[in-house]
Amino acid sequence: MPRGLPFAVDTWGPSSRRRRHRFLTHTHRDHLVGSGVDIDGDGTVYATRLTLHLALRHFPQLGSWEFVEMEVGRTVVLDDPTGAFSVTTYGANHCPEVFF
């Protein structure tokens, strides 16, 4: 991830540990490598309902994080000390999108 961004996408390594916002696009294992490591300060993980369900089922160590469910196709505006930004989720036909 580029330096200075307040968010990380599908990364949990040293360079993203201090990010205030994390986006989990889907739960393939390569997107969750290092997710059991504590972060410094507070952090929030944003993902769709199905992604959150699967992530917590297969990676229970994520239970200590704060999760925010996002709806596919909806834009969310996030406030951040460095400036507000918006995020929209899209279905990519890469993983299931329907929660059973």
N, C-alpha and C. Protein backbone atom coordinates (compact mmCIF):
# COMPACT_ATOMS: atom_id res chain seq x y z
N MET A 1 0.84 -1.18 0.00
CA MET A 1 0.00 0.00 0.00
C MET A 1 0.89 1.24 0.00
N PRO A 2 0.47 2.27 -0.74
CA PRO A 2 1.25 3.52 -0.72
C PRO A 2 1.27 4.13 0.68
N ARG A 3 2.35 4.76 1.01
CA ARG A 3 2.46 5.40 2.32
C ARG A 3 1.51 6.59 2.42
N GLY A 4 1.04 6.84 3.63
CA GLY A 4 0.22 8.01 3.90
C GLY A 4 -1.28 7.79 3.78
N LEU A 5 -1.71 6.70 3.19
CA LEU A 5 -3.14 6.44 3.09
C LEU A 5 -3.68 5.99 4.45
N PRO A 6 -4.90 6.39 4.80
CA PRO A 6 -5.46 5.98 6.09
C PRO A 6 -6.09 4.60 6.05
N PHE A 7 -5.98 3.88 4.93
CA PHE A 7 -6.62 2.59 4.80
C PHE A 7 -5.70 1.57 4.13
N ALA A 8 -6.07 0.30 4.33
CA ALA A 8 -5.37 -0.81 3.68
C ALA A 8 -6.44 -1.72 3.07
N VAL A 9 -6.10 -2.35 1.95
CA VAL A 9 -7.02 -3.25 1.28
C VAL A 9 -6.37 -4.63 1.21
N ASP A 10 -7.01 -5.59 1.88
CA ASP A 10 -6.56 -6.99 1.86
C ASP A 10 -5.11 -7.18 2.28
N THR A 11 -4.59 -6.31 3.10
CA THR A 11 -3.23 -6.47 3.61
C THR A 11 -3.23 -6.36 5.12
N TRP A 12 -2.37 -7.15 5.76
CA TRP A 12 -2.32 -7.20 7.22
C TRP A 12 -0.88 -7.16 7.71
N GLY A 13 0.05 -6.90 6.85
CA GLY A 13 1.46 -6.93 7.21
C GLY A 13 1.92 -5.67 7.92
N PRO A 14 3.21 -5.59 8.18
CA PRO A 14 3.78 -4.46 8.93
C PRO A 14 3.46 -3.09 8.34
N SER A 15 3.42 -2.97 7.03
CA SER A 15 3.19 -1.66 6.43
C SER A 15 1.75 -1.18 6.58
N SER A 16 0.84 -2.07 6.92
CA SER A 16 -0.56 -1.67 7.05
C SER A 16 -1.10 -1.75 8.47
N ARG A 17 -0.27 -2.09 9.43
CA ARG A 17 -0.75 -2.30 10.80
C ARG A 17 -1.31 -1.04 11.46
N ARG A 18 -0.85 0.10 11.07
CA ARG A 18 -1.30 1.33 11.74
C ARG A 18 -2.43 2.04 10.97
N ARG A 19 -2.95 1.41 9.96
CA ARG A 19 -4.04 2.02 9.19
C ARG A 19 -5.33 1.98 10.01
N ARG A 20 -6.09 3.05 9.98
CA ARG A 20 -7.32 3.14 10.76
C ARG A 20 -8.47 2.36 10.13
N HIS A 21 -8.44 2.19 8.83
CA HIS A 21 -9.51 1.51 8.12
C HIS A 21 -8.91 0.39 7.27
N ARG A 22 -9.58 -0.76 7.30
CA ARG A 22 -9.14 -1.88 6.46
C ARG A 22 -10.35 -2.38 5.69
N PHE A 23 -10.12 -2.71 4.44
CA PHE A 23 -11.17 -3.24 3.59
C PHE A 23 -10.79 -4.66 3.20
N LEU A 24 -11.72 -5.56 3.45
CA LEU A 24 -11.52 -6.96 3.12
C LEU A 24 -12.45 -7.27 1.95
N THR A 25 -11.87 -7.51 0.78
CA THR A 25 -12.69 -7.69 -0.42
C THR A 25 -13.31 -9.07 -0.51
N HIS A 26 -12.60 -10.09 -0.03
CA HIS A 26 -13.12 -11.44 0.01
C HIS A 26 -12.19 -12.29 0.87
N THR A 27 -12.59 -13.53 1.14
CA THR A 27 -11.89 -14.31 2.16
C THR A 27 -10.98 -15.40 1.62
N HIS A 28 -10.43 -15.22 0.46
CA HIS A 28 -9.38 -16.16 0.05
C HIS A 28 -8.23 -16.02 1.04
N ARG A 29 -7.59 -17.09 1.35
CA ARG A 29 -6.54 -17.09 2.38
C ARG A 29 -5.44 -16.06 2.13
N ASP A 30 -5.09 -15.83 0.88
CA ASP A 30 -4.02 -14.87 0.61
C ASP A 30 -4.42 -13.45 0.98
N HIS A 31 -5.69 -13.18 1.17
CA HIS A 31 -6.15 -11.86 1.57
C HIS A 31 -6.19 -11.70 3.09
N LEU A 32 -5.91 -12.77 3.81
CA LEU A 32 -5.97 -12.75 5.27
C LEU A 32 -4.65 -13.15 5.94
N VAL A 33 -3.58 -13.26 5.17
CA VAL A 33 -2.27 -13.60 5.73
C VAL A 33 -1.87 -12.52 6.74
N GLY A 34 -1.55 -12.94 7.96
CA GLY A 34 -1.13 -11.99 8.99
C GLY A 34 -2.26 -11.35 9.75
N SER A 35 -3.49 -11.77 9.51
CA SER A 35 -4.63 -11.12 10.16
C SER A 35 -4.70 -11.36 11.65
N GLY A 36 -3.96 -12.31 12.18
CA GLY A 36 -3.99 -12.58 13.61
C GLY A 36 -3.09 -11.67 14.41
N VAL A 37 -2.31 -10.83 13.75
CA VAL A 37 -1.39 -9.94 14.43
C VAL A 37 -2.14 -8.70 14.91
N ASP A 38 -1.92 -8.32 16.15
CA ASP A 38 -2.57 -7.12 16.68
C ASP A 38 -2.07 -5.88 15.95
N ILE A 39 -2.95 -4.90 15.86
CA ILE A 39 -2.55 -3.62 15.28
C ILE A 39 -2.32 -2.63 16.41
N ASP A 40 -1.63 -1.56 16.11
CA ASP A 40 -1.44 -0.50 17.09
C ASP A 40 -2.63 0.44 17.01
N GLY A 41 -3.27 0.70 18.14
CA GLY A 41 -4.41 1.61 18.14
C GLY A 41 -5.68 0.90 17.68
N ASP A 42 -6.66 1.71 17.33
CA ASP A 42 -7.95 1.17 16.91
C ASP A 42 -7.95 0.91 15.42
N GLY A 43 -8.75 -0.04 15.01
CA GLY A 43 -8.88 -0.35 13.60
C GLY A 43 -10.25 -0.89 13.30
N THR A 44 -10.70 -0.66 12.09
CA THR A 44 -11.99 -1.11 11.65
C THR A 44 -11.82 -1.88 10.36
N VAL A 45 -12.57 -2.97 10.22
CA VAL A 45 -12.56 -3.76 9.00
C VAL A 45 -13.92 -3.61 8.34
N TYR A 46 -13.93 -3.21 7.08
CA TYR A 46 -15.14 -3.04 6.30
C TYR A 46 -15.21 -4.17 5.28
N ALA A 47 -16.40 -4.79 5.17
CA ALA A 47 -16.58 -5.88 4.21
C ALA A 47 -18.07 -6.15 4.07
N THR A 48 -18.42 -6.95 3.07
CA THR A 48 -19.81 -7.34 2.90
C THR A 48 -20.19 -8.36 3.97
N ARG A 49 -21.47 -8.60 4.13
CA ARG A 49 -21.96 -9.54 5.15
C ARG A 49 -21.36 -10.93 4.97
N LEU A 50 -21.38 -11.43 3.74
CA LEU A 50 -20.84 -12.77 3.50
C LEU A 50 -19.34 -12.82 3.79
N THR A 51 -18.61 -11.83 3.37
CA THR A 51 -17.17 -11.80 3.62
C THR A 51 -16.89 -11.77 5.11
N LEU A 52 -17.62 -10.96 5.86
CA LEU A 52 -17.43 -10.91 7.31
C LEU A 52 -17.76 -12.26 7.95
N HIS A 53 -18.86 -12.86 7.54
CA HIS A 53 -19.26 -14.15 8.09
C HIS A 53 -18.18 -15.21 7.86
N LEU A 54 -17.70 -15.30 6.62
CA LEU A 54 -16.68 -16.30 6.30
C LEU A 54 -15.36 -16.00 6.99
N ALA A 55 -14.98 -14.75 7.05
CA ALA A 55 -13.71 -14.39 7.69
C ALA A 55 -13.73 -14.77 9.17
N LEU A 56 -14.80 -14.47 9.86
CA LEU A 56 -14.87 -14.79 11.29
C LEU A 56 -14.99 -16.30 11.52
N ARG A 57 -15.62 -16.99 10.60
CA ARG A 57 -15.75 -18.44 10.73
C ARG A 57 -14.40 -19.14 10.58
N HIS A 58 -13.61 -18.70 9.63
CA HIS A 58 -12.34 -19.36 9.34
C HIS A 58 -11.14 -18.71 10.04
N PHE A 59 -11.30 -17.48 10.49
CA PHE A 59 -10.21 -16.76 11.15
C PHE A 59 -10.75 -16.11 12.43
N PRO A 60 -11.04 -16.91 13.46
CA PRO A 60 -11.67 -16.37 14.67
C PRO A 60 -10.84 -15.31 15.38
N GLN A 61 -9.54 -15.25 15.12
CA GLN A 61 -8.71 -14.24 15.74
C GLN A 61 -9.12 -12.83 15.32
N LEU A 62 -9.90 -12.71 14.26
CA LEU A 62 -10.37 -11.40 13.82
C LEU A 62 -11.49 -10.86 14.71
N GLY A 63 -12.01 -11.69 15.60
CA GLY A 63 -13.12 -11.29 16.44
C GLY A 63 -12.86 -10.08 17.32
N SER A 64 -11.61 -9.73 17.55
CA SER A 64 -11.30 -8.58 18.40
C SER A 64 -11.37 -7.26 17.64
N TRP A 65 -11.52 -7.32 16.34
CA TRP A 65 -11.59 -6.10 15.53
C TRP A 65 -13.01 -5.57 15.50
N GLU A 66 -13.13 -4.32 15.14
CA GLU A 66 -14.45 -3.74 14.91
C GLU A 66 -14.80 -3.94 13.44
N PHE A 67 -15.99 -4.49 13.18
CA PHE A 67 -16.41 -4.76 11.81
C PHE A 67 -17.56 -3.85 11.42
N VAL A 68 -17.54 -3.41 10.18
CA VAL A 68 -18.63 -2.63 9.62
C VAL A 68 -19.07 -3.33 8.34
N GLU A 69 -20.33 -3.68 8.30
CA GLU A 69 -20.87 -4.38 7.13
C GLU A 69 -21.21 -3.36 6.04
N MET A 70 -20.78 -3.68 4.82
CA MET A 70 -21.07 -2.84 3.67
C MET A 70 -22.01 -3.61 2.73
N GLU A 71 -22.90 -2.89 2.08
CA GLU A 71 -23.82 -3.51 1.14
C GLU A 71 -23.29 -3.35 -0.28
N VAL A 72 -23.34 -4.43 -1.04
CA VAL A 72 -22.85 -4.41 -2.41
C VAL A 72 -23.62 -3.34 -3.21
N GLY A 73 -22.88 -2.51 -3.92
CA GLY A 73 -23.47 -1.47 -4.74
C GLY A 73 -23.72 -0.15 -4.04
N ARG A 74 -23.49 -0.10 -2.74
CA ARG A 74 -23.73 1.13 -1.98
C ARG A 74 -22.41 1.84 -1.70
N THR A 75 -22.46 3.15 -1.73
CA THR A 75 -21.29 3.96 -1.41
C THR A 75 -21.36 4.39 0.05
N VAL A 76 -20.23 4.29 0.73
CA VAL A 76 -20.12 4.71 2.12
C VAL A 76 -19.08 5.83 2.18
N VAL A 77 -19.41 6.91 2.87
CA VAL A 77 -18.46 8.00 3.06
C VAL A 77 -17.87 7.85 4.46
N LEU A 78 -16.55 7.79 4.52
CA LEU A 78 -15.87 7.60 5.80
C LEU A 78 -15.15 8.88 6.19
N ASP A 79 -15.38 9.29 7.43
CA ASP A 79 -14.66 10.44 7.97
C ASP A 79 -13.31 9.96 8.47
N ASP A 80 -12.31 10.75 8.26
CA ASP A 80 -10.97 10.43 8.72
C ASP A 80 -10.26 11.74 9.03
N PRO A 81 -9.36 11.76 10.01
CA PRO A 81 -8.63 12.99 10.33
C PRO A 81 -7.87 13.58 9.13
N THR A 82 -7.51 12.74 8.17
CA THR A 82 -6.79 13.24 6.99
C THR A 82 -7.73 13.69 5.88
N GLY A 83 -9.03 13.52 6.08
CA GLY A 83 -10.03 13.90 5.09
C GLY A 83 -10.98 12.77 4.77
N ALA A 84 -12.23 13.12 4.53
CA ALA A 84 -13.24 12.11 4.22
C ALA A 84 -12.96 11.49 2.86
N PHE A 85 -13.36 10.22 2.72
CA PHE A 85 -13.25 9.55 1.42
C PHE A 85 -14.42 8.60 1.28
N SER A 86 -14.74 8.23 0.04
CA SER A 86 -15.87 7.34 -0.19
C SER A 86 -15.40 6.02 -0.78
N VAL A 87 -16.18 4.97 -0.49
CA VAL A 87 -15.88 3.62 -0.95
C VAL A 87 -17.18 3.00 -1.43
N THR A 88 -17.13 2.34 -2.58
CA THR A 88 -18.28 1.63 -3.12
C THR A 88 -17.89 0.18 -3.34
N THR A 89 -18.73 -0.74 -2.90
CA THR A 89 -18.46 -2.16 -3.12
C THR A 89 -19.14 -2.60 -4.42
N TYR A 90 -18.47 -3.47 -5.14
CA TYR A 90 -19.00 -4.02 -6.40
C TYR A 90 -18.82 -5.53 -6.39
N GLY A 91 -19.80 -6.22 -6.93
CA GLY A 91 -19.66 -7.65 -7.13
C GLY A 91 -18.75 -7.89 -8.32
N ALA A 92 -17.79 -8.80 -8.17
CA ALA A 92 -16.83 -9.05 -9.24
C ALA A 92 -16.94 -10.47 -9.79
N ASN A 93 -17.97 -11.20 -9.37
CA ASN A 93 -18.14 -12.59 -9.79
C ASN A 93 -16.89 -13.42 -9.48
N HIS A 94 -16.24 -13.09 -8.41
CA HIS A 94 -15.02 -13.78 -8.00
C HIS A 94 -15.30 -14.70 -6.82
N CYS A 95 -16.31 -14.36 -6.02
CA CYS A 95 -16.70 -15.11 -4.85
C CYS A 95 -18.23 -15.03 -4.74
N PRO A 96 -18.84 -15.89 -3.95
CA PRO A 96 -20.30 -15.79 -3.77
C PRO A 96 -20.66 -14.45 -3.15
N GLU A 97 -21.81 -13.94 -3.56
CA GLU A 97 -22.25 -12.65 -3.02
C GLU A 97 -23.57 -12.78 -2.27
N VAL A 98 -24.15 -13.96 -2.27
CA VAL A 98 -25.43 -14.16 -1.62
C VAL A 98 -25.20 -14.86 -0.29
N PHE A 99 -25.72 -14.30 0.77
CA PHE A 99 -25.57 -14.90 2.09
C PHE A 99 -26.64 -15.96 2.26
N PHE A 100 -26.24 -17.14 2.66
CA PHE A 100 -27.19 -18.24 2.80
C PHE A 100 -27.77 -18.29 4.19
